[in-house]
Amino acid sequence: MPKTVGIGVTGGIAAYKIAELVSKLKKDDIDVIVIMTEAATEFITPLTFKTLSGREVLVDLWDDSREWKVQHIGAAEQLDLLVIAPATANFIAKIAHGLADNLLSTIVLANTSPLLVVPAMNHNMYKNQVVQDNIKKIRDYGYMVMEPDSGVLACGVTGQGRLPEIDQIYAEIKKLLYPKQDLLGKRLMVNAGTTCEDIDPVRFIANRSTGKMGFSIARDALARGADVILVCGNSALEPPPGVKFIPVRGAEEMCEVMQKYQPACDIIIGAAAVGDFRIKTKSEQKMKKTENASEELVLTMVGTPDILKTLGKNKKPHQVMIGFAAETENIVENAEKKLETKNLDFIVANDVTMEGAGFAGDTNIVTFISRNGEIESLPKMSKQEVATAILDKVVKLL
């Protein structure tokens, strides 16, 4: 039986991009009901969506429906999935606070199928604490929220707030409509973010990692039925609802936590950017700036634990272990050394100097290197797509 997806389009400049999404879904024999807010009709006409979806487009709460006795109830009952894309700050607030003052917001409340929210707005609006609180609230309700992409926005500002690529939204919809359960009964532990090594009570050493890759792996593994443990260093991301989330600070703490949970895990993935060094002796008081600006400050540093190497020594025959190699030169050679010394099943290597492959971005360009010498280079993908590719390979190994 064909699946039915509701596409709720709200009043943002990215509304025009949703025409491509509707077209892709229809080509995949998925029935699409498009619901637009009045503001959305200022950016793209209902006629466009009617032509692409082959159905009447729903806009007005007070329109008589030829298909349903009560329009918003009938439409909601027919859905296997409801997607709000683009989701404006205004509409996210409506969802968070249960407002129902137009057709789309009323359908959201009547809907019992999964809800996927895809924010798109100005960077400053997206980062506003009120908007972030509303996003956290709807995540707490169990709704799924995609992270917006970063780049040049329609307003000319550069930052996070762009609608994710249509292929990425499409992949997320397919995943929700046809969820894989190939990790059911398996326990997966992944680390993410950057470790922080304290210099004094106010300063620390860290790196540029945001945790997006590890969080994407945790999210995809959870959707595939795994019991997920997410051990996280410094990151501003909200953990996916349903994972066992363990925040840590330094490399030593992260290593201790992962050793504790290792025996109970089937899959271990090291996606965190763990610092290689820490201060030998942390200052108990804030280190003061000297009057002489040219005076040098010398910090003595020592190595931190090699977490994956430590776990690799205790790896059981049934366990699958994967690591990452973020390199700037000799990518394959350096990754192959890590693969061997850390006792990994395969390693995910990337050149962090390449555009679209470094820290903090929404995309990655990776190469899989396996124990048997197989090398597979992937094109630039969203980090969520990379996570899916990693877990697909894990399933084959299992």
Protein backbone atom coordinates (compact mmCIF):
# COMPACT_ATOMS: atom_id res chain seq x y z
CA MET A 1 0.00 0.00 0.00
CA PRO A 2 1.47 3.41 -0.97
CA LYS A 3 2.69 5.67 1.83
CA THR A 4 1.20 9.12 2.30
CA VAL A 5 3.35 12.07 3.35
CA GLY A 6 2.04 15.46 4.40
CA ILE A 7 4.34 18.32 3.38
CA GLY A 8 3.64 21.45 5.43
CA VAL A 9 5.10 24.53 3.75
CA THR A 10 5.45 27.69 5.83
CA GLY A 11 6.33 31.26 4.85
CA GLY A 12 10.08 31.26 4.24
CA ILE A 13 12.11 32.03 1.14
CA ALA A 14 13.16 28.35 0.95
CA ALA A 15 9.53 27.39 0.20
CA TYR A 16 10.29 27.29 -3.52
CA LYS A 17 12.79 24.46 -2.98
CA ILE A 18 10.04 22.17 -1.68
CA ALA A 19 8.66 21.78 -5.20
CA GLU A 20 11.64 19.53 -5.98
CA LEU A 21 11.00 17.48 -2.84
CA VAL A 22 7.34 16.90 -3.78
CA SER A 23 8.42 15.89 -7.29
CA LYS A 24 10.97 13.36 -5.98
CA LEU A 25 8.45 11.79 -3.61
CA LYS A 26 5.83 11.45 -6.35
CA LYS A 27 8.36 9.80 -8.67
CA ASP A 28 8.92 7.30 -5.88
CA ASP A 29 5.18 6.45 -5.84
CA ILE A 30 4.62 8.20 -2.50
CA ASP A 31 1.30 10.04 -2.19
CA VAL A 32 1.82 13.67 -1.14
CA ILE A 33 -0.64 16.03 0.54
CA VAL A 34 0.70 19.58 0.53
CA ILE A 35 -0.54 21.92 3.27
CA MET A 36 0.49 25.57 2.97
CA THR A 37 0.22 28.51 5.32
CA GLU A 38 -1.09 31.73 3.79
CA ALA A 39 2.39 33.22 4.15
CA ALA A 40 3.85 30.35 2.10
CA THR A 41 1.59 31.25 -0.84
CA GLU A 42 3.46 34.57 -1.08
CA PHE A 43 6.62 32.64 -2.06
CA ILE A 44 5.22 29.86 -4.28
CA THR A 45 1.73 29.23 -5.64
CA PRO A 46 -0.54 26.36 -4.60
CA LEU A 47 -0.97 25.61 -8.32
CA THR A 48 2.69 24.54 -8.52
CA PHE A 49 2.22 21.99 -5.75
CA LYS A 50 -1.14 20.87 -7.11
CA THR A 51 0.47 20.11 -10.47
CA LEU A 52 3.39 18.23 -8.91
CA SER A 53 1.41 16.30 -6.29
CA GLY A 54 -1.70 15.60 -8.38
CA ARG A 55 -3.88 16.58 -5.41
CA GLU A 56 -5.65 19.66 -4.13
CA VAL A 57 -3.41 21.81 -1.98
CA LEU A 58 -4.78 22.59 1.49
CA VAL A 59 -4.48 26.20 2.65
CA ASP A 60 -7.63 27.54 4.31
CA LEU A 61 -8.92 26.08 7.58
CA TRP A 62 -12.46 27.14 6.63
CA ASP A 63 -12.59 25.65 3.11
CA ASP A 64 -15.19 22.97 2.47
CA SER A 65 -13.46 19.68 1.71
CA ARG A 66 -14.64 17.38 -1.04
CA GLU A 67 -12.60 14.51 0.44
CA TRP A 68 -13.10 14.73 4.21
CA LYS A 69 -16.05 15.66 6.42
CA VAL A 70 -13.69 17.54 8.75
CA GLN A 71 -10.69 18.65 6.70
CA HIS A 72 -7.92 18.87 9.30
CA ILE A 73 -8.92 15.60 11.00
CA GLY A 74 -9.35 13.66 7.77
CA ALA A 75 -6.04 14.85 6.33
CA ALA A 76 -4.15 14.06 9.55
CA GLU A 77 -5.62 10.55 9.76
CA GLN A 78 -4.39 9.74 6.25
CA LEU A 79 -0.72 10.53 6.92
CA ASP A 80 2.13 8.09 7.50
CA LEU A 81 4.49 11.04 8.09
CA LEU A 82 4.12 14.81 8.42
CA VAL A 83 7.03 17.05 7.34
CA ILE A 84 7.22 20.80 7.99
CA ALA A 85 9.69 22.28 5.48
CA PRO A 86 10.72 24.99 5.59
CA ALA A 87 9.78 25.50 9.24
CA THR A 88 9.94 29.18 10.20
CA ALA A 89 10.67 30.47 13.70
CA ASN A 90 7.00 31.47 13.94
CA PHE A 91 5.70 28.02 13.07
CA ILE A 92 8.19 26.26 15.35
CA ALA A 93 6.81 28.43 18.17
CA LYS A 94 3.27 27.32 17.28
CA ILE A 95 4.29 23.65 17.51
CA ALA A 96 6.15 24.17 20.79
CA HIS A 97 3.20 25.89 22.46
CA GLY A 98 0.32 23.95 20.90
CA LEU A 99 -1.19 26.86 18.96
CA ALA A 100 -3.76 25.97 16.32
CA ASP A 101 -4.70 29.15 14.48
CA ASN A 102 -4.44 27.95 10.87
CA LEU A 103 -4.95 24.73 8.93
CA LEU A 104 -1.38 23.45 9.14
CA SER A 105 -1.00 24.05 12.89
CA THR A 106 -4.37 22.34 13.45
CA ILE A 107 -3.24 19.31 11.42
CA VAL A 108 -0.04 19.15 13.51
CA LEU A 109 -2.14 18.76 16.66
CA ALA A 110 -4.48 16.20 15.06
CA ASN A 111 -1.58 14.24 13.57
CA THR A 112 -0.59 10.91 15.19
CA SER A 113 2.13 9.93 12.69
CA PRO A 114 5.83 10.87 13.08
CA LEU A 115 6.59 14.58 12.65
CA LEU A 116 9.78 15.86 10.98
CA VAL A 117 10.57 19.57 11.35
CA VAL A 118 13.10 21.19 8.98
CA PRO A 119 14.01 24.71 10.18
CA ALA A 120 15.20 27.37 7.73
CA MET A 121 15.65 31.03 8.66
CA ASN A 122 18.13 33.85 9.23
CA HIS A 123 21.19 32.77 11.25
CA ASN A 124 20.56 35.23 14.09
CA MET A 125 16.93 34.13 14.33
CA TYR A 126 17.94 30.47 14.44
CA LYS A 127 20.52 31.08 17.17
CA ASN A 128 18.12 33.23 19.24
CA GLN A 129 17.68 31.57 22.63
CA VAL A 130 13.88 31.65 22.34
CA VAL A 131 14.01 29.72 19.05
CA GLN A 132 16.54 27.25 20.48
CA ASP A 133 14.33 26.70 23.53
CA ASN A 134 11.34 26.04 21.26
CA ILE A 135 13.35 23.55 19.19
CA LYS A 136 14.47 21.78 22.37
CA LYS A 137 10.86 21.66 23.54
CA ILE A 138 9.55 20.02 20.36
CA ARG A 139 12.44 17.54 20.45
CA ASP A 140 11.46 16.71 24.02
CA TYR A 141 7.95 15.98 22.73
CA GLY A 142 9.51 13.31 20.50
CA TYR A 143 9.40 15.25 17.23
CA MET A 144 12.41 15.01 14.92
CA VAL A 145 14.25 18.21 13.98
CA MET A 146 16.87 18.37 11.22
CA GLU A 147 19.87 20.66 11.70
CA PRO A 148 19.90 23.50 9.14
CA ASP A 149 22.94 23.82 6.87
CA SER A 150 25.49 26.63 7.04
CA GLY A 151 26.34 29.00 4.21
CA VAL A 152 25.29 32.23 2.56
CA LEU A 153 21.62 32.90 3.35
CA ALA A 154 19.07 34.75 1.21
CA CYS A 155 19.43 37.82 3.44
CA GLY A 156 23.15 38.00 2.64
CA VAL A 157 24.30 36.80 6.06
CA THR A 158 26.64 33.81 6.29
CA GLY A 159 25.85 31.30 9.00
CA GLN A 160 23.65 28.38 10.00
CA GLY A 161 20.06 28.59 8.84
CA ARG A 162 19.93 27.26 5.27
CA LEU A 163 17.39 24.60 4.38
CA PRO A 164 19.24 21.26 4.16
CA GLU A 165 19.73 19.91 0.66
CA ILE A 166 16.57 18.37 -0.81
CA ASP A 167 18.34 15.01 -1.24
CA GLN A 168 19.13 15.06 2.48
CA ILE A 169 15.50 15.78 3.44
CA TYR A 170 14.33 13.12 0.97
CA ALA A 171 16.71 10.55 2.52
CA GLU A 172 15.43 11.38 6.01
CA ILE A 173 11.81 10.95 4.83
CA LYS A 174 12.59 7.57 3.26
CA LYS A 175 14.33 6.49 6.45
CA LEU A 176 11.29 7.42 8.53
CA LEU A 177 8.81 5.80 6.14
CA TYR A 178 10.79 2.59 5.73
CA PRO A 179 12.96 2.28 8.86
CA LYS A 180 15.71 -0.34 8.85
CA GLN A 181 15.83 -2.46 11.97
CA ASP A 182 19.10 -4.21 11.13
CA LEU A 183 20.72 -3.19 14.44
CA LEU A 184 17.88 -4.40 16.64
CA GLY A 185 19.25 -6.11 19.72
CA LYS A 186 22.73 -4.61 19.27
CA ARG A 187 24.38 -2.12 21.61
CA LEU A 188 26.46 0.62 19.99
CA MET A 189 28.76 3.06 21.76
CA VAL A 190 30.02 6.16 19.96
CA ASN A 191 32.02 9.11 21.24
CA ALA A 192 31.65 12.63 19.87
CA GLY A 193 32.70 16.23 20.27
CA THR A 194 36.03 17.59 21.47
CA THR A 195 37.76 16.82 24.72
CA CYS A 196 38.81 19.77 26.89
CA GLU A 197 42.10 19.77 28.78
CA ASP A 198 42.21 22.44 31.48
CA ILE A 199 45.09 24.91 31.76
CA ASP A 200 43.65 26.74 34.78
CA PRO A 201 40.10 27.24 36.17
CA VAL A 202 39.06 29.41 33.18
CA ARG A 203 41.15 28.24 30.21
CA PHE A 204 41.41 24.95 28.39
CA ILE A 205 42.82 23.35 25.25
CA ALA A 206 40.34 21.95 22.73
CA ASN A 207 39.81 21.70 18.97
CA ARG A 208 37.19 22.69 16.41
CA SER A 209 35.04 19.56 16.52
CA THR A 210 31.32 20.18 17.10
CA GLY A 211 30.23 16.55 17.49
CA LYS A 212 28.01 16.51 14.39
CA MET A 213 29.50 13.30 12.99
CA GLY A 214 29.15 11.33 16.20
CA PHE A 215 25.65 12.64 16.84
CA SER A 216 24.64 11.65 13.29
CA ILE A 217 25.89 8.11 13.91
CA ALA A 218 24.00 7.93 17.22
CA ARG A 219 20.81 9.19 15.58
CA ASP A 220 20.98 6.71 12.68
CA ALA A 221 21.87 3.76 14.91
CA LEU A 222 18.93 4.55 17.17
CA ALA A 223 16.57 4.63 14.18
CA ARG A 224 17.89 1.21 13.11
CA GLY A 225 16.96 -0.34 16.44
CA ALA A 226 20.27 -0.21 18.33
CA ASP A 227 20.66 0.52 22.02
CA VAL A 228 22.93 3.59 21.80
CA ILE A 229 25.45 5.00 24.28
CA LEU A 230 26.74 8.48 23.31
CA VAL A 231 29.87 9.53 25.22
CA CYS A 232 30.32 13.20 24.49
CA GLY A 233 32.99 15.80 25.13
CA ASN A 234 32.32 19.49 24.55
CA SER A 235 29.44 20.06 22.10
CA ALA A 236 26.54 22.47 21.80
CA LEU A 237 24.32 19.86 20.12
CA GLU A 238 21.24 18.37 21.76
CA PRO A 239 21.55 14.58 22.16
CA PRO A 240 18.97 12.56 20.19
CA PRO A 241 16.06 11.52 22.42
CA GLY A 242 16.40 7.86 23.37
CA VAL A 243 20.19 7.55 23.60
CA LYS A 244 22.10 7.01 26.85
CA PHE A 245 23.97 10.31 26.95
CA ILE A 246 27.15 10.54 29.04
CA PRO A 247 28.88 13.95 29.07
CA VAL A 248 32.60 13.99 29.82
CA ARG A 249 35.32 16.63 29.79
CA GLY A 250 38.86 15.36 29.23
CA ALA A 251 40.40 12.44 27.37
CA GLU A 252 41.13 10.49 30.56
CA GLU A 253 37.50 10.67 31.68
CA MET A 254 36.27 9.70 28.21
CA CYS A 255 38.62 6.71 28.18
CA GLU A 256 37.48 5.54 31.63
CA VAL A 257 33.80 5.77 30.69
CA MET A 258 34.25 3.90 27.41
CA GLN A 259 36.27 1.14 29.09
CA LYS A 260 33.47 0.76 31.62
CA TYR A 261 30.81 0.21 28.95
CA GLN A 262 32.96 -1.66 26.40
CA PRO A 263 32.23 -5.23 27.60
CA ALA A 264 28.49 -4.80 27.01
CA CYS A 265 28.83 -3.33 23.49
CA ASP A 266 28.66 -5.00 20.08
CA ILE A 267 29.80 -1.94 18.11
CA ILE A 268 32.24 0.80 19.17
CA ILE A 269 32.82 3.87 17.00
CA GLY A 270 35.38 6.55 17.80
CA ALA A 271 34.12 9.73 16.17
CA ALA A 272 35.28 12.22 18.82
CA ALA A 273 38.19 14.58 18.15
CA VAL A 274 40.20 13.59 21.21
CA GLY A 275 43.03 15.94 22.18
CA ASP A 276 46.50 14.37 21.94
CA PHE A 277 48.01 16.43 24.76
CA ARG A 278 47.13 17.85 28.16
CA ILE A 279 48.86 20.26 30.51
CA LYS A 280 51.27 18.38 32.77
CA THR A 281 50.35 20.45 35.82
CA LYS A 282 47.08 22.40 35.81
CA SER A 283 47.22 25.74 37.61
CA GLU A 284 44.83 25.86 40.55
CA GLN A 285 44.37 29.64 40.09
CA LYS A 286 43.80 31.75 37.01
CA MET A 287 47.11 32.54 35.33
CA LYS A 288 47.50 36.31 35.22
CA LYS A 289 48.63 38.29 32.21
CA THR A 290 52.00 39.94 32.80
CA GLU A 291 52.72 43.63 32.29
CA ASN A 292 55.35 42.74 29.73
CA ALA A 293 53.41 41.69 26.62
CA SER A 294 56.52 40.15 25.06
CA GLU A 295 57.11 37.81 27.97
CA GLU A 296 56.72 34.18 26.95
CA LEU A 297 54.47 31.65 28.67
CA VAL A 298 55.76 28.10 28.44
CA LEU A 299 53.30 25.25 29.04
CA THR A 300 54.63 21.75 29.57
CA MET A 301 52.38 19.15 27.93
CA VAL A 302 52.11 15.39 28.15
CA GLY A 303 50.18 12.88 26.10
CA THR A 304 46.57 11.86 26.69
CA PRO A 305 45.31 8.25 26.56
CA ASP A 306 44.86 6.73 23.10
CA ILE A 307 41.25 5.72 23.66
CA LEU A 308 40.72 3.46 20.65
CA LYS A 309 44.11 1.78 21.11
CA THR A 310 43.18 1.07 24.75
CA LEU A 311 39.80 -0.34 23.73
CA GLY A 312 41.37 -2.25 20.85
CA LYS A 313 43.57 -4.22 23.26
CA ASN A 314 40.43 -5.46 25.04
CA LYS A 315 38.34 -6.05 21.92
CA LYS A 316 36.27 -9.24 21.97
CA PRO A 317 35.85 -11.48 18.89
CA HIS A 318 32.20 -10.46 18.42
CA GLN A 319 32.88 -6.72 18.65
CA VAL A 320 33.18 -4.40 15.66
CA MET A 321 35.35 -1.31 16.13
CA ILE A 322 35.58 1.69 13.81
CA GLY A 323 37.75 4.77 14.10
CA PHE A 324 38.23 8.09 12.32
CA ALA A 325 41.47 9.53 10.95
CA ALA A 326 41.29 13.30 10.49
CA GLU A 327 44.49 14.05 8.55
CA THR A 328 46.12 16.91 6.66
CA GLU A 329 48.67 14.87 4.66
CA ASN A 330 49.40 11.27 3.60
CA ILE A 331 45.78 10.45 4.34
CA VAL A 332 45.68 6.76 3.38
CA GLU A 333 49.13 5.91 4.79
CA ASN A 334 48.42 7.54 8.16
CA ALA A 335 44.96 5.97 8.35
CA GLU A 336 46.34 2.50 7.60
CA LYS A 337 48.80 2.82 10.50
CA LYS A 338 45.97 3.73 12.87
CA LEU A 339 43.84 0.88 11.54
CA GLU A 340 46.57 -1.60 12.51
CA THR A 341 47.76 -0.14 15.82
CA LYS A 342 44.25 0.36 17.20
CA ASN A 343 42.96 -3.09 16.11
CA LEU A 344 40.05 -1.61 14.11
CA ASP A 345 37.82 -3.38 11.60
CA PHE A 346 37.83 -0.34 9.34
CA ILE A 347 38.74 3.31 9.57
CA VAL A 348 37.07 6.43 8.18
CA ALA A 349 39.73 8.78 6.82
CA ASN A 350 39.29 12.37 5.71
CA ASP A 351 41.46 15.31 4.71
CA VAL A 352 40.30 18.11 7.00
CA THR A 353 41.91 20.73 4.75
CA MET A 354 39.47 19.97 1.91
CA GLU A 355 36.48 22.23 1.45
CA GLY A 356 33.40 20.39 2.71
CA ALA A 357 35.35 17.89 4.81
CA GLY A 358 36.61 19.74 7.88
CA PHE A 359 35.36 20.28 11.40
CA ALA A 360 32.09 22.08 12.18
CA GLY A 361 30.62 21.68 8.68
CA ASP A 362 27.46 19.85 7.67
CA THR A 363 29.20 17.70 5.05
CA ASN A 364 32.16 15.36 4.91
CA ILE A 365 34.33 13.66 2.28
CA VAL A 366 35.58 10.32 3.56
CA THR A 367 37.41 7.18 2.53
CA PHE A 368 36.74 3.76 4.11
CA ILE A 369 39.87 1.64 4.59
CA SER A 370 39.27 -1.98 5.67
CA ARG A 371 41.47 -4.62 7.31
CA ASN A 372 41.53 -6.61 4.07
CA GLY A 373 43.08 -3.66 2.20
CA GLU A 374 39.86 -2.56 0.51
CA ILE A 375 39.69 1.21 -0.03
CA GLU A 376 36.38 2.91 -0.83
CA SER A 377 36.24 6.67 -1.47
CA LEU A 378 32.87 8.37 -1.03
CA PRO A 379 31.80 11.66 -2.65
CA LYS A 380 30.92 14.73 -0.59
CA MET A 381 27.88 13.84 1.52
CA SER A 382 25.97 15.24 4.45
CA LYS A 383 27.28 13.89 7.75
CA GLN A 384 23.97 12.09 8.23
CA GLU A 385 24.52 10.29 4.91
CA VAL A 386 28.08 9.40 5.93
CA ALA A 387 26.69 7.98 9.18
CA THR A 388 24.29 5.81 7.20
CA ALA A 389 27.12 4.56 4.96
CA ILE A 390 29.24 3.70 8.03
CA LEU A 391 26.43 1.72 9.66
CA ASP A 392 25.60 -0.06 6.39
CA LYS A 393 29.20 -1.31 6.37
CA VAL A 394 28.98 -2.25 10.06
CA VAL A 395 25.88 -4.36 9.38
CA LYS A 396 27.75 -6.29 6.68
CA LEU A 397 30.58 -6.98 9.12
CA LEU A 398 28.16 -8.20 11.76
